[in-house]
Amino acid sequence: MRVRIDCCYAITHNSVMDTATDILRKLRSAGLSQSEIARKTGIPQPRLSRWEGGSTPAGANDALRLAALLREMPGGRESSEVAHA
């Protein structure tokens, strides 16, 4: 039996749940390019492009990397836990 995780959620300190795609959208809104996000997280840029296009879901490790980058941004969330849905 194979199990596939389609989404990963970052639960922030105020109990708001963000998908990896939501976090990516916030990083892009903060002015980061896909190339900058790729460089800072180690996530390949083509993968980021596919997420923005809605063609593939993010994996848990990549969601963690995006959440960590968001926390490092000025005004970013200070703490998060990760849960899988």
C-alpha atoms as a PDB file:
ATOM      1  CA  MET A   1       0.000   0.000   0.000  1.00  0.00           C
ATOM      2  CA  ARG A   2       1.383   3.381  -1.024  1.00  0.00           C
ATOM      3  CA  VAL A   3       0.420   6.552   0.783  1.00  0.00           C
ATOM      4  CA  ARG A   4       0.808   9.954  -0.810  1.00  0.00           C
ATOM      5  CA  ILE A   5       0.794  13.210   1.106  1.00  0.00           C
ATOM      6  CA  ASP A   6      -0.801  15.859  -1.092  1.00  0.00           C
ATOM      7  CA  CYS A   7      -0.377  18.871   1.165  1.00  0.00           C
ATOM      8  CA  CYS A   8       1.730  20.012   4.011  1.00  0.00           C
ATOM      9  CA  TYR A   9       0.514  22.648   6.438  1.00  0.00           C
ATOM     10  CA  ALA A  10       2.551  24.914   8.653  1.00  0.00           C
ATOM     11  CA  ILE A  11       0.636  25.736  11.799  1.00  0.00           C
ATOM     12  CA  THR A  12       1.731  29.108  13.060  1.00  0.00           C
ATOM     13  CA  HIS A  13       1.647  30.483  16.572  1.00  0.00           C
ATOM     14  CA  ASN A  14      -1.772  32.049  15.987  1.00  0.00           C
ATOM     15  CA  SER A  15      -3.231  28.754  14.694  1.00  0.00           C
ATOM     16  CA  VAL A  16      -3.479  29.925  11.090  1.00  0.00           C
ATOM     17  CA  MET A  17      -2.742  27.108   8.690  1.00  0.00           C
ATOM     18  CA  ASP A  18      -0.765  27.879   5.575  1.00  0.00           C
ATOM     19  CA  THR A  19       0.007  25.436   2.791  1.00  0.00           C
ATOM     20  CA  ALA A  20       3.458  25.479   1.237  1.00  0.00           C
ATOM     21  CA  THR A  21       1.899  27.235  -1.749  1.00  0.00           C
ATOM     22  CA  ASP A  22       0.485  29.922   0.572  1.00  0.00           C
ATOM     23  CA  ILE A  23       3.919  30.416   2.096  1.00  0.00           C
ATOM     24  CA  LEU A  24       5.492  30.614  -1.360  1.00  0.00           C
ATOM     25  CA  ARG A  25       2.907  33.235  -2.335  1.00  0.00           C
ATOM     26  CA  LYS A  26       3.785  35.290   0.777  1.00  0.00           C
ATOM     27  CA  LEU A  27       7.492  35.113   0.009  1.00  0.00           C
ATOM     28  CA  ARG A  28       6.848  36.223  -3.580  1.00  0.00           C
ATOM     29  CA  SER A  29       4.625  39.076  -2.314  1.00  0.00           C
ATOM     30  CA  ALA A  30       7.509  40.147  -0.084  1.00  0.00           C
ATOM     31  CA  GLY A  31       9.521  40.726  -3.261  1.00  0.00           C
ATOM     32  CA  LEU A  32      11.561  37.536  -3.497  1.00  0.00           C
ATOM     33  CA  SER A  33      12.009  35.983  -6.921  1.00  0.00           C
ATOM     34  CA  GLN A  34      11.804  32.246  -7.498  1.00  0.00           C
ATOM     35  CA  SER A  35      15.579  32.249  -7.993  1.00  0.00           C
ATOM     36  CA  GLU A  36      16.161  33.965  -4.641  1.00  0.00           C
ATOM     37  CA  ILE A  37      13.835  31.555  -2.841  1.00  0.00           C
ATOM     38  CA  ALA A  38      15.552  28.614  -4.540  1.00  0.00           C
ATOM     39  CA  ARG A  39      18.991  29.867  -3.526  1.00  0.00           C
ATOM     40  CA  LYS A  40      17.969  30.513   0.093  1.00  0.00           C
ATOM     41  CA  THR A  41      16.088  27.220   0.589  1.00  0.00           C
ATOM     42  CA  GLY A  42      17.890  24.788  -1.696  1.00  0.00           C
ATOM     43  CA  ILE A  43      14.602  23.990  -3.453  1.00  0.00           C
ATOM     44  CA  PRO A  44      15.094  23.789  -7.237  1.00  0.00           C
ATOM     45  CA  GLN A  45      13.569  26.792  -9.041  1.00  0.00           C
ATOM     46  CA  PRO A  46      11.658  24.633 -11.558  1.00  0.00           C
ATOM     47  CA  ARG A  47       9.881  22.943  -8.639  1.00  0.00           C
ATOM     48  CA  LEU A  48       8.841  26.350  -7.262  1.00  0.00           C
ATOM     49  CA  SER A  49       7.520  27.246 -10.702  1.00  0.00           C
ATOM     50  CA  ARG A  50       5.444  24.059 -10.844  1.00  0.00           C
ATOM     51  CA  TRP A  51       3.920  24.828  -7.420  1.00  0.00           C
ATOM     52  CA  GLU A  52       2.987  28.324  -8.484  1.00  0.00           C
ATOM     53  CA  GLY A  53       1.398  26.839 -11.582  1.00  0.00           C
ATOM     54  CA  GLY A  54      -0.543  24.393  -9.443  1.00  0.00           C
ATOM     55  CA  SER A  55       0.750  21.276 -11.156  1.00  0.00           C
ATOM     56  CA  THR A  56       2.382  19.488  -8.216  1.00  0.00           C
ATOM     57  CA  PRO A  57       1.999  19.594  -4.426  1.00  0.00           C
ATOM     58  CA  ALA A  58       4.891  20.454  -2.135  1.00  0.00           C
ATOM     59  CA  GLY A  59       6.613  17.799  -0.074  1.00  0.00           C
ATOM     60  CA  ALA A  60       6.988  18.081   3.687  1.00  0.00           C
ATOM     61  CA  ASN A  61      10.720  18.867   3.648  1.00  0.00           C
ATOM     62  CA  ASP A  62      10.249  21.646   1.116  1.00  0.00           C
ATOM     63  CA  ALA A  63       7.352  23.087   3.112  1.00  0.00           C
ATOM     64  CA  LEU A  64       9.598  23.190   6.179  1.00  0.00           C
ATOM     65  CA  ARG A  65      12.279  25.050   4.222  1.00  0.00           C
ATOM     66  CA  LEU A  66       9.763  27.612   2.964  1.00  0.00           C
ATOM     67  CA  ALA A  67       8.329  28.104   6.473  1.00  0.00           C
ATOM     68  CA  ALA A  68      11.836  28.618   7.877  1.00  0.00           C
ATOM     69  CA  LEU A  69      12.581  31.253   5.240  1.00  0.00           C
ATOM     70  CA  LEU A  70       9.302  33.027   5.966  1.00  0.00           C
ATOM     71  CA  ARG A  71      10.187  33.138   9.684  1.00  0.00           C
ATOM     72  CA  GLU A  72      13.554  34.726   8.799  1.00  0.00           C
ATOM     73  CA  MET A  73      11.903  37.505   6.799  1.00  0.00           C
ATOM     74  CA  PRO A  74      11.227  40.845   8.491  1.00  0.00           C
ATOM     75  CA  GLY A  75       7.727  40.562   9.917  1.00  0.00           C
ATOM     76  CA  GLY A  76       7.804  36.791   9.422  1.00  0.00           C
ATOM     77  CA  ARG A  77       6.141  34.427  11.816  1.00  0.00           C
ATOM     78  CA  GLU A  78       8.280  33.582  14.810  1.00  0.00           C
ATOM     79  CA  SER A  79       7.314  29.989  15.477  1.00  0.00           C
ATOM     80  CA  SER A  80       5.662  27.139  13.686  1.00  0.00           C
ATOM     81  CA  GLU A  81       4.952  23.460  13.935  1.00  0.00           C
ATOM     82  CA  VAL A  82       4.312  21.238  10.986  1.00  0.00           C
ATOM     83  CA  ALA A  83       1.421  18.871  10.551  1.00  0.00           C
ATOM     84  CA  HIS A  84       0.611  16.794   7.512  1.00  0.00           C
ATOM     85  CA  ALA A  85      -2.875  16.559   6.053  1.00  0.00           C
END
